[in-house]
Amino acid sequence: MITINNLSQIAETGITRVDNQLTPGKAHANFANVLKGALDDLNHIQMESDDKTKKLAAGEIDDLHDVMITAQKASIALETTVQIQKKVIDAYNEIMRMQV
C-alpha cells in the first residue's frame, strides 16, 4: 500500500540528499526504487483482495467484513496511485512549459 512513509521517501529522494553529493544517476535510481516498491505494494494489496474475494465466493471464508475491508483498502490504494500519477504528469507538463 502506498503509505505516508513511501510518499515521504519520494519527496526526500531529490530534496534532502542534495547536500550529501547525490548524483543525478543515484537520485534517479532511488526514485525508481521507491516507485517500484510502491507499485509492488499496490499489486500485493490488489492480489490479496482478489484472493479473499475468490475464497469468499468458494465458501472458504465466512468473514464478509474482512473481505469488504480488504477490497476497500485496495480501491483506496488504487485511487491514491491514480491521483499521484495525475499530479506527477501535471508537474512534468508544467516544468516542460517553463522558459529557461
PDB file of N, CA and C in Angstrom:
ATOM      1  N   MET A   1       0.841  -1.172   0.000  1.00  0.00           N
ATOM      2  CA  MET A   1       0.000   0.000   0.000  1.00  0.00           C
ATOM      3  C   MET A   1       0.888   1.239   0.000  1.00  0.00           C
ATOM      4  N   ILE A   2       0.500   2.235  -0.719  1.00  0.00           N
ATOM      5  CA  ILE A   2       1.256   3.474  -0.731  1.00  0.00           C
ATOM      6  C   ILE A   2       0.969   4.165   0.586  1.00  0.00           C
ATOM      7  N   THR A   3       1.979   4.232   1.396  1.00  0.00           N
ATOM      8  CA  THR A   3       1.808   4.814   2.715  1.00  0.00           C
ATOM      9  C   THR A   3       2.445   6.188   2.761  1.00  0.00           C
ATOM     10  N   ILE A   4       2.227   6.857   3.871  1.00  0.00           N
ATOM     11  CA  ILE A   4       2.855   8.163   4.080  1.00  0.00           C
ATOM     12  C   ILE A   4       4.366   8.006   4.042  1.00  0.00           C
ATOM     13  N   ASN A   5       4.866   6.893   4.552  1.00  0.00           N
ATOM     14  CA  ASN A   5       6.299   6.647   4.542  1.00  0.00           C
ATOM     15  C   ASN A   5       6.818   6.579   3.109  1.00  0.00           C
ATOM     16  N   ASN A   6       6.126   5.857   2.235  1.00  0.00           N
ATOM     17  CA  ASN A   6       6.542   5.771   0.834  1.00  0.00           C
ATOM     18  C   ASN A   6       6.499   7.137   0.168  1.00  0.00           C
ATOM     19  N   LEU A   7       5.454   7.916   0.446  1.00  0.00           N
ATOM     20  CA  LEU A   7       5.343   9.238  -0.147  1.00  0.00           C
ATOM     21  C   LEU A   7       6.440  10.155   0.362  1.00  0.00           C
ATOM     22  N   SER A   8       6.789  10.038   1.650  1.00  0.00           N
ATOM     23  CA  SER A   8       7.859  10.883   2.164  1.00  0.00           C
ATOM     24  C   SER A   8       9.194  10.464   1.581  1.00  0.00           C
ATOM     25  N   GLN A   9       9.362   9.177   1.281  1.00  0.00           N
ATOM     26  CA  GLN A   9      10.593   8.726   0.637  1.00  0.00           C
ATOM     27  C   GLN A   9      10.698   9.319  -0.765  1.00  0.00           C
ATOM     28  N   ILE A  10       9.586   9.412  -1.465  1.00  0.00           N
ATOM     29  CA  ILE A  10       9.591  10.013  -2.798  1.00  0.00           C
ATOM     30  C   ILE A  10       9.982  11.480  -2.691  1.00  0.00           C
ATOM     31  N   ALA A  11       9.412  12.168  -1.728  1.00  0.00           N
ATOM     32  CA  ALA A  11       9.710  13.589  -1.563  1.00  0.00           C
ATOM     33  C   ALA A  11      11.163  13.812  -1.169  1.00  0.00           C
ATOM     34  N   GLU A  12      11.727  12.912  -0.358  1.00  0.00           N
ATOM     35  CA  GLU A  12      13.093  13.080   0.124  1.00  0.00           C
ATOM     36  C   GLU A  12      14.138  12.682  -0.903  1.00  0.00           C
ATOM     37  N   THR A  13      13.762  11.930  -1.914  1.00  0.00           N
ATOM     38  CA  THR A  13      14.729  11.391  -2.858  1.00  0.00           C
ATOM     39  C   THR A  13      15.602  12.469  -3.476  1.00  0.00           C
ATOM     40  N   GLY A  14      15.024  13.553  -3.915  1.00  0.00           N
ATOM     41  CA  GLY A  14      15.812  14.568  -4.590  1.00  0.00           C
ATOM     42  C   GLY A  14      16.021  15.833  -3.793  1.00  0.00           C
ATOM     43  N   ILE A  15      15.375  15.997  -2.657  1.00  0.00           N
ATOM     44  CA  ILE A  15      15.428  17.266  -1.956  1.00  0.00           C
ATOM     45  C   ILE A  15      16.443  17.247  -0.814  1.00  0.00           C
ATOM     46  N   THR A  16      16.328  16.344   0.102  1.00  0.00           N
ATOM     47  CA  THR A  16      17.172  16.393   1.289  1.00  0.00           C
ATOM     48  C   THR A  16      18.562  15.830   1.056  1.00  0.00           C
ATOM     49  N   ARG A  17      18.770  15.068   0.044  1.00  0.00           N
ATOM     50  CA  ARG A  17      20.061  14.447  -0.166  1.00  0.00           C
ATOM     51  C   ARG A  17      20.968  15.245  -1.104  1.00  0.00           C
ATOM     52  N   VAL A  18      20.548  16.412  -1.495  1.00  0.00           N
ATOM     53  CA  VAL A  18      21.362  17.235  -2.396  1.00  0.00           C
ATOM     54  C   VAL A  18      22.677  17.592  -1.721  1.00  0.00           C
ATOM     55  N   ASP A  19      22.640  17.869  -0.430  1.00  0.00           N
ATOM     56  CA  ASP A  19      23.844  18.243   0.302  1.00  0.00           C
ATOM     57  C   ASP A  19      24.814  17.080   0.458  1.00  0.00           C
ATOM     58  N   ASN A  20      24.382  15.873   0.306  1.00  0.00           N
ATOM     59  CA  ASN A  20      25.215  14.688   0.502  1.00  0.00           C
ATOM     60  C   ASN A  20      25.858  14.206  -0.792  1.00  0.00           C
ATOM     61  N   GLN A  21      26.009  15.075  -1.777  1.00  0.00           N
ATOM     62  CA  GLN A  21      26.644  14.744  -3.044  1.00  0.00           C
ATOM     63  C   GLN A  21      25.909  13.620  -3.776  1.00  0.00           C
ATOM     64  N   LEU A  22      24.612  13.688  -3.786  1.00  0.00           N
ATOM     65  CA  LEU A  22      23.812  12.711  -4.510  1.00  0.00           C
ATOM     66  C   LEU A  22      23.861  13.055  -5.994  1.00  0.00           C
ATOM     67  N   THR A  23      24.333  12.117  -6.779  1.00  0.00           N
ATOM     68  CA  THR A  23      24.448  12.353  -8.212  1.00  0.00           C
ATOM     69  C   THR A  23      23.083  12.166  -8.867  1.00  0.00           C
ATOM     70  N   PRO A  24      22.902  12.734 -10.057  1.00  0.00           N
ATOM     71  CA  PRO A  24      21.621  12.542 -10.752  1.00  0.00           C
ATOM     72  C   PRO A  24      21.309  11.071 -11.004  1.00  0.00           C
ATOM     73  N   GLY A  25      22.332  10.277 -11.286  1.00  0.00           N
ATOM     74  CA  GLY A  25      22.101   8.845 -11.513  1.00  0.00           C
ATOM     75  C   GLY A  25      21.601   8.142 -10.271  1.00  0.00           C
ATOM     76  N   LYS A  26      22.189   8.486  -9.112  1.00  0.00           N
ATOM     77  CA  LYS A  26      21.743   7.875  -7.854  1.00  0.00           C
ATOM     78  C   LYS A  26      20.337   8.338  -7.495  1.00  0.00           C
ATOM     79  N   ALA A  27      20.072   9.625  -7.724  1.00  0.00           N
ATOM     80  CA  ALA A  27      18.730  10.140  -7.446  1.00  0.00           C
ATOM     81  C   ALA A  27      17.696   9.434  -8.315  1.00  0.00           C
ATOM     82  N   HIS A  28      18.036   9.218  -9.584  1.00  0.00           N
ATOM     83  CA  HIS A  28      17.132   8.517 -10.499  1.00  0.00           C
ATOM     84  C   HIS A  28      16.885   7.102 -10.009  1.00  0.00           C
ATOM     85  N   ALA A  29      17.951   6.418  -9.604  1.00  0.00           N
ATOM     86  CA  ALA A  29      17.814   5.034  -9.125  1.00  0.00           C
ATOM     87  C   ALA A  29      16.996   4.983  -7.842  1.00  0.00           C
ATOM     88  N   ASN A  30      17.231   5.920  -6.921  1.00  0.00           N
ATOM     89  CA  ASN A  30      16.470   5.948  -5.671  1.00  0.00           C
ATOM     90  C   ASN A  30      14.988   6.192  -5.943  1.00  0.00           C
ATOM     91  N   PHE A  31      14.712   7.156  -6.796  1.00  0.00           N
ATOM     92  CA  PHE A  31      13.330   7.481  -7.128  1.00  0.00           C
ATOM     93  C   PHE A  31      12.649   6.292  -7.801  1.00  0.00           C
ATOM     94  N   ALA A  32      13.353   5.650  -8.717  1.00  0.00           N
ATOM     95  CA  ALA A  32      12.797   4.480  -9.403  1.00  0.00           C
ATOM     96  C   ALA A  32      12.525   3.349  -8.417  1.00  0.00           C
ATOM     97  N   ASN A  33      13.432   3.142  -7.472  1.00  0.00           N
ATOM     98  CA  ASN A  33      13.247   2.076  -6.483  1.00  0.00           C
ATOM     99  C   ASN A  33      12.053   2.354  -5.577  1.00  0.00           C
ATOM    100  N   VAL A  34      11.880   3.607  -5.178  1.00  0.00           N
ATOM    101  CA  VAL A  34      10.741   3.957  -4.332  1.00  0.00           C
ATOM    102  C   VAL A  34       9.432   3.742  -5.097  1.00  0.00           C
ATOM    103  N   LEU A  35       9.389   4.182  -6.355  1.00  0.00           N
ATOM    104  CA  LEU A  35       8.173   3.984  -7.156  1.00  0.00           C
ATOM    105  C   LEU A  35       7.888   2.507  -7.387  1.00  0.00           C
ATOM    106  N   LYS A  36       8.935   1.727  -7.669  1.00  0.00           N
ATOM    107  CA  LYS A  36       8.752   0.296  -7.875  1.00  0.00           C
ATOM    108  C   LYS A  36       8.217  -0.364  -6.607  1.00  0.00           C
ATOM    109  N   GLY A  37       8.758   0.027  -5.460  1.00  0.00           N
ATOM    110  CA  GLY A  37       8.275  -0.518  -4.193  1.00  0.00           C
ATOM    111  C   GLY A  37       6.820  -0.173  -3.936  1.00  0.00           C
ATOM    112  N   ALA A  38       6.436   1.064  -4.242  1.00  0.00           N
ATOM    113  CA  ALA A  38       5.049   1.482  -4.050  1.00  0.00           C
ATOM    114  C   ALA A  38       4.111   0.715  -4.973  1.00  0.00           C
ATOM    115  N   LEU A  39       4.527   0.512  -6.222  1.00  0.00           N
ATOM    116  CA  LEU A  39       3.687  -0.251  -7.155  1.00  0.00           C
ATOM    117  C   LEU A  39       3.625  -1.724  -6.775  1.00  0.00           C
ATOM    118  N   ASP A  40       4.714  -2.266  -6.249  1.00  0.00           N
ATOM    119  CA  ASP A  40       4.690  -3.647  -5.772  1.00  0.00           C
ATOM    120  C   ASP A  40       3.729  -3.792  -4.597  1.00  0.00           C
ATOM    121  N   ASP A  41       3.727  -2.805  -3.692  1.00  0.00           N
ATOM    122  CA  ASP A  41       2.790  -2.825  -2.564  1.00  0.00           C
ATOM    123  C   ASP A  41       1.346  -2.768  -3.064  1.00  0.00           C
ATOM    124  N   LEU A  42       1.102  -1.906  -4.042  1.00  0.00           N
ATOM    125  CA  LEU A  42      -0.246  -1.799  -4.609  1.00  0.00           C
ATOM    126  C   LEU A  42      -0.672  -3.120  -5.238  1.00  0.00           C
ATOM    127  N   ASN A  43       0.233  -3.735  -5.992  1.00  0.00           N
ATOM    128  CA  ASN A  43      -0.066  -5.023  -6.617  1.00  0.00           C
ATOM    129  C   ASN A  43      -0.377  -6.081  -5.567  1.00  0.00           C
ATOM    130  N   HIS A  44       0.390  -6.091  -4.485  1.00  0.00           N
ATOM    131  CA  HIS A  44       0.164  -7.073  -3.410  1.00  0.00           C
ATOM    132  C   HIS A  44      -1.225  -6.876  -2.794  1.00  0.00           C
ATOM    133  N   ILE A  45      -1.608  -5.629  -2.565  1.00  0.00           N
ATOM    134  CA  ILE A  45      -2.924  -5.345  -1.979  1.00  0.00           C
ATOM    135  C   ILE A  45      -4.040  -5.790  -2.928  1.00  0.00           C
ATOM    136  N   GLN A  46      -3.879  -5.514  -4.217  1.00  0.00           N
ATOM    137  CA  GLN A  46      -4.889  -5.910  -5.199  1.00  0.00           C
ATOM    138  C   GLN A  46      -5.020  -7.435  -5.262  1.00  0.00           C
ATOM    139  N   MET A  47      -3.872  -8.120  -5.251  1.00  0.00           N
ATOM    140  CA  MET A  47      -3.912  -9.585  -5.321  1.00  0.00           C
ATOM    141  C   MET A  47      -4.518 -10.189  -4.056  1.00  0.00           C
ATOM    142  N   GLU A  48      -4.239  -9.589  -2.904  1.00  0.00           N
ATOM    143  CA  GLU A  48      -4.824 -10.066  -1.652  1.00  0.00           C
ATOM    144  C   GLU A  48      -6.339  -9.910  -1.676  1.00  0.00           C
ATOM    145  N   SER A  49      -6.809  -8.779  -2.191  1.00  0.00           N
ATOM    146  CA  SER A  49      -8.245  -8.546  -2.299  1.00  0.00           C
ATOM    147  C   SER A  49      -8.895  -9.563  -3.241  1.00  0.00           C
ATOM    148  N   ASP A  50      -8.271  -9.792  -4.391  1.00  0.00           N
ATOM    149  CA  ASP A  50      -8.797 -10.782  -5.341  1.00  0.00           C
ATOM    150  C   ASP A  50      -8.850 -12.173  -4.724  1.00  0.00           C
ATOM    151  N   ASP A  51      -7.795 -12.529  -3.997  1.00  0.00           N
ATOM    152  CA  ASP A  51      -7.721 -13.847  -3.374  1.00  0.00           C
ATOM    153  C   ASP A  51      -8.836 -14.021  -2.345  1.00  0.00           C
ATOM    154  N   LYS A  52      -9.035 -13.010  -1.498  1.00  0.00           N
ATOM    155  CA  LYS A  52     -10.084 -13.111  -0.477  1.00  0.00           C
ATOM    156  C   LYS A  52     -11.472 -13.146  -1.108  1.00  0.00           C
ATOM    157  N   THR A  53     -11.661 -12.396  -2.191  1.00  0.00           N
ATOM    158  CA  THR A  53     -12.956 -12.404  -2.872  1.00  0.00           C
ATOM    159  C   THR A  53     -13.245 -13.783  -3.467  1.00  0.00           C
ATOM    160  N   LYS A  54     -12.241 -14.390  -4.077  1.00  0.00           N
ATOM    161  CA  LYS A  54     -12.418 -15.741  -4.638  1.00  0.00           C
ATOM    162  C   LYS A  54     -12.708 -16.755  -3.541  1.00  0.00           C
ATOM    163  N   LYS A  55     -12.010 -16.637  -2.414  1.00  0.00           N
ATOM    164  CA  LYS A  55     -12.249 -17.564  -1.306  1.00  0.00           C
ATOM    165  C   LYS A  55     -13.640 -17.384  -0.718  1.00  0.00           C
ATOM    166  N   LEU A  56     -14.125 -16.137  -0.675  1.00  0.00           N
ATOM    167  CA  LEU A  56     -15.478 -15.896  -0.177  1.00  0.00           C
ATOM    168  C   LEU A  56     -16.495 -16.522  -1.119  1.00  0.00           C
ATOM    169  N   ALA A  57     -16.290 -16.373  -2.429  1.00  0.00           N
ATOM    170  CA  ALA A  57     -17.212 -16.954  -3.411  1.00  0.00           C
ATOM    171  C   ALA A  57     -17.195 -18.472  -3.357  1.00  0.00           C
ATOM    172  N   ALA A  58     -16.040 -19.060  -3.021  1.00  0.00           N
ATOM    173  CA  ALA A  58     -15.936 -20.517  -2.940  1.00  0.00           C
ATOM    174  C   ALA A  58     -16.413 -21.057  -1.599  1.00  0.00           C
ATOM    175  N   GLY A  59     -16.718 -20.150  -0.650  1.00  0.00           N
ATOM    176  CA  GLY A  59     -17.196 -20.585   0.651  1.00  0.00           C
ATOM    177  C   GLY A  59     -16.087 -20.927   1.631  1.00  0.00           C
ATOM    178  N   GLU A  60     -14.850 -20.571   1.305  1.00  0.00           N
ATOM    179  CA  GLU A  60     -13.732 -20.873   2.183  1.00  0.00           C
ATOM    180  C   GLU A  60     -13.569 -19.847   3.298  1.00  0.00           C
ATOM    181  N   ILE A  61     -14.143 -18.642   3.117  1.00  0.00           N
ATOM    182  CA  ILE A  61     -14.077 -17.577   4.117  1.00  0.00           C
ATOM    183  C   ILE A  61     -15.508 -17.209   4.498  1.00  0.00           C
ATOM    184  N   ASP A  62     -15.753 -17.077   5.802  1.00  0.00           N
ATOM    185  CA  ASP A  62     -17.078 -16.705   6.276  1.00  0.00           C
ATOM    186  C   ASP A  62     -17.158 -15.236   6.690  1.00  0.00           C
ATOM    187  N   ASP A  63     -16.019 -14.571   6.818  1.00  0.00           N
ATOM    188  CA  ASP A  63     -15.981 -13.206   7.317  1.00  0.00           C
ATOM    189  C   ASP A  63     -16.115 -12.206   6.172  1.00  0.00           C
ATOM    190  N   LEU A  64     -17.338 -11.801   5.890  1.00  0.00           N
ATOM    191  CA  LEU A  64     -17.611 -10.848   4.822  1.00  0.00           C
ATOM    192  C   LEU A  64     -16.982  -9.491   5.114  1.00  0.00           C
ATOM    193  N   HIS A  65     -16.965  -9.113   6.389  1.00  0.00           N
ATOM    194  CA  HIS A  65     -16.406  -7.812   6.761  1.00  0.00           C
ATOM    195  C   HIS A  65     -14.931  -7.710   6.379  1.00  0.00           C
ATOM    196  N   ASP A  66     -14.180  -8.754   6.626  1.00  0.00           N
ATOM    197  CA  ASP A  66     -12.755  -8.749   6.300  1.00  0.00           C
ATOM    198  C   ASP A  66     -12.541  -8.625   4.790  1.00  0.00           C
ATOM    199  N   VAL A  67     -13.354  -9.320   4.028  1.00  0.00           N
ATOM    200  CA  VAL A  67     -13.256  -9.266   2.567  1.00  0.00           C
ATOM    201  C   VAL A  67     -13.592  -7.860   2.072  1.00  0.00           C
ATOM    202  N   MET A  68     -14.629  -7.258   2.613  1.00  0.00           N
ATOM    203  CA  MET A  68     -15.028  -5.914   2.194  1.00  0.00           C
ATOM    204  C   MET A  68     -13.992  -4.868   2.596  1.00  0.00           C
ATOM    205  N   ILE A  69     -13.409  -5.011   3.773  1.00  0.00           N
ATOM    206  CA  ILE A  69     -12.370  -4.075   4.215  1.00  0.00           C
ATOM    207  C   ILE A  69     -11.149  -4.188   3.303  1.00  0.00           C
ATOM    208  N   THR A  70     -10.763  -5.403   2.964  1.00  0.00           N
ATOM    209  CA  THR A  70      -9.618  -5.609   2.071  1.00  0.00           C
ATOM    210  C   THR A  70      -9.902  -5.024   0.685  1.00  0.00           C
ATOM    211  N   ALA A  71     -11.116  -5.211   0.199  1.00  0.00           N
ATOM    212  CA  ALA A  71     -11.480  -4.647  -1.112  1.00  0.00           C
ATOM    213  C   ALA A  71     -11.475  -3.123  -1.076  1.00  0.00           C
ATOM    214  N   GLN A  72     -11.943  -2.545   0.013  1.00  0.00           N
ATOM    215  CA  GLN A  72     -11.945  -1.085   0.132  1.00  0.00           C
ATOM    216  C   GLN A  72     -10.526  -0.536   0.223  1.00  0.00           C
ATOM    217  N   LYS A  73      -9.645  -1.234   0.953  1.00  0.00           N
ATOM    218  CA  LYS A  73      -8.242  -0.818   1.021  1.00  0.00           C
ATOM    219  C   LYS A  73      -7.610  -0.841  -0.369  1.00  0.00           C
ATOM    220  N   ALA A  74      -7.910  -1.866  -1.135  1.00  0.00           N
ATOM    221  CA  ALA A  74      -7.373  -1.971  -2.488  1.00  0.00           C
ATOM    222  C   ALA A  74      -7.903  -0.845  -3.366  1.00  0.00           C
ATOM    223  N   SER A  75      -9.163  -0.523  -3.231  1.00  0.00           N
ATOM    224  CA  SER A  75      -9.765   0.544  -4.008  1.00  0.00           C
ATOM    225  C   SER A  75      -9.147   1.901  -3.666  1.00  0.00           C
ATOM    226  N   ILE A  76      -8.965   2.159  -2.394  1.00  0.00           N
ATOM    227  CA  ILE A  76      -8.376   3.432  -1.960  1.00  0.00           C
ATOM    228  C   ILE A  76      -6.921   3.531  -2.415  1.00  0.00           C
ATOM    229  N   ALA A  77      -6.176   2.435  -2.297  1.00  0.00           N
ATOM    230  CA  ALA A  77      -4.778   2.440  -2.731  1.00  0.00           C
ATOM    231  C   ALA A  77      -4.670   2.704  -4.228  1.00  0.00           C
ATOM    232  N   LEU A  78      -5.547   2.097  -5.012  1.00  0.00           N
ATOM    233  CA  LEU A  78      -5.533   2.317  -6.460  1.00  0.00           C
ATOM    234  C   LEU A  78      -5.897   3.758  -6.797  1.00  0.00           C
ATOM    235  N   GLU A  79      -6.918   4.283  -6.160  1.00  0.00           N
ATOM    236  CA  GLU A  79      -7.337   5.667  -6.414  1.00  0.00           C
ATOM    237  C   GLU A  79      -6.233   6.647  -6.025  1.00  0.00           C
ATOM    238  N   THR A  80      -5.557   6.391  -4.914  1.00  0.00           N
ATOM    239  CA  THR A  80      -4.442   7.241  -4.495  1.00  0.00           C
ATOM    240  C   THR A  80      -3.327   7.202  -5.523  1.00  0.00           C
ATOM    241  N   THR A  81      -3.017   6.026  -6.020  1.00  0.00           N
ATOM    242  CA  THR A  81      -1.974   5.878  -7.037  1.00  0.00           C
ATOM    243  C   THR A  81      -2.332   6.637  -8.307  1.00  0.00           C
ATOM    244  N   VAL A  82      -3.568   6.558  -8.732  1.00  0.00           N
ATOM    245  CA  VAL A  82      -4.015   7.261  -9.935  1.00  0.00           C
ATOM    246  C   VAL A  82      -3.914   8.771  -9.734  1.00  0.00           C
ATOM    247  N   GLN A  83      -4.311   9.251  -8.562  1.00  0.00           N
ATOM    248  CA  GLN A  83      -4.238  10.688  -8.298  1.00  0.00           C
ATOM    249  C   GLN A  83      -2.791  11.174  -8.250  1.00  0.00           C
ATOM    250  N   ILE A  84      -1.898  10.377  -7.668  1.00  0.00           N
ATOM    251  CA  ILE A  84      -0.482  10.741  -7.640  1.00  0.00           C
ATOM    252  C   ILE A  84       0.068  10.770  -9.061  1.00  0.00           C
ATOM    253  N   GLN A  85      -0.317   9.803  -9.872  1.00  0.00           N
ATOM    254  CA  GLN A  85       0.124   9.774 -11.272  1.00  0.00           C
ATOM    255  C   GLN A  85      -0.314  11.047 -11.993  1.00  0.00           C
ATOM    256  N   LYS A  86      -1.557  11.448 -11.784  1.00  0.00           N
ATOM    257  CA  LYS A  86      -2.060  12.663 -12.438  1.00  0.00           C
ATOM    258  C   LYS A  86      -1.269  13.887 -11.999  1.00  0.00           C
ATOM    259  N   LYS A  87      -0.963  13.985 -10.711  1.00  0.00           N
ATOM    260  CA  LYS A  87      -0.203  15.124 -10.203  1.00  0.00           C
ATOM    261  C   LYS A  87       1.214  15.134 -10.759  1.00  0.00           C
ATOM    262  N   VAL A  88       1.832  13.971 -10.879  1.00  0.00           N
ATOM    263  CA  VAL A  88       3.185  13.895 -11.428  1.00  0.00           C
ATOM    264  C   VAL A  88       3.174  14.329 -12.893  1.00  0.00           C
ATOM    265  N   ILE A  89       2.193  13.890 -13.645  1.00  0.00           N
ATOM    266  CA  ILE A  89       2.090  14.285 -15.055  1.00  0.00           C
ATOM    267  C   ILE A  89       1.843  15.784 -15.167  1.00  0.00           C
ATOM    268  N   ASP A  90       0.981  16.331 -14.302  1.00  0.00           N
ATOM    269  CA  ASP A  90       0.746  17.772 -14.314  1.00  0.00           C
ATOM    270  C   ASP A  90       2.024  18.545 -13.996  1.00  0.00           C
ATOM    271  N   ALA A  91       2.775  18.067 -13.014  1.00  0.00           N
ATOM    272  CA  ALA A  91       4.034  18.730 -12.653  1.00  0.00           C
ATOM    273  C   ALA A  91       5.033  18.656 -13.803  1.00  0.00           C
ATOM    274  N   TYR A  92       5.112  17.513 -14.442  1.00  0.00           N
ATOM    275  CA  TYR A  92       6.013  17.349 -15.586  1.00  0.00           C
ATOM    276  C   TYR A  92       5.634  18.314 -16.712  1.00  0.00           C
ATOM    277  N   ASN A  93       4.347  18.385 -17.012  1.00  0.00           N
ATOM    278  CA  ASN A  93       3.883  19.300 -18.071  1.00  0.00           C
ATOM    279  C   ASN A  93       4.181  20.751 -17.714  1.00  0.00           C
ATOM    280  N   GLU A  94       4.023  21.102 -16.451  1.00  0.00           N
ATOM    281  CA  GLU A  94       4.321  22.467 -16.011  1.00  0.00           C
ATOM    282  C   GLU A  94       5.800  22.772 -16.153  1.00  0.00           C
ATOM    283  N   ILE A  95       6.653  21.844 -15.819  1.00  0.00           N
ATOM    284  CA  ILE A  95       8.094  22.026 -15.966  1.00  0.00           C
ATOM    285  C   ILE A  95       8.463  22.169 -17.438  1.00  0.00           C
ATOM    286  N   MET A  96       7.830  21.381 -18.287  1.00  0.00           N
ATOM    287  CA  MET A  96       8.138  21.445 -19.719  1.00  0.00           C
ATOM    288  C   MET A  96       7.705  22.791 -20.335  1.00  0.00           C
ATOM    289  N   ARG A  97       6.715  23.447 -19.751  1.00  0.00           N
ATOM    290  CA  ARG A  97       6.253  24.742 -20.254  1.00  0.00           C
ATOM    291  C   ARG A  97       7.117  25.908 -19.773  1.00  0.00           C
ATOM    292  N   MET A  98       7.995  25.655 -18.805  1.00  0.00           N
ATOM    293  CA  MET A  98       8.834  26.728 -18.274  1.00  0.00           C
ATOM    294  C   MET A  98       9.832  27.203 -19.323  1.00  0.00           C
ATOM    295  N   GLN A  99      10.046  28.508 -19.340  1.00  0.00           N
ATOM    296  CA  GLN A  99      11.027  29.104 -20.230  1.00  0.00           C
ATOM    297  C   GLN A  99      12.346  29.215 -19.472  1.00  0.00           C
ATOM    298  N   VAL A 100      13.405  28.715 -20.069  1.00  0.00           N
ATOM    299  CA  VAL A 100      14.704  28.770 -19.406  1.00  0.00           C
ATOM    300  C   VAL A 100      15.563  29.838 -20.034  1.00  0.00           C
TER     301      VAL A 100
END
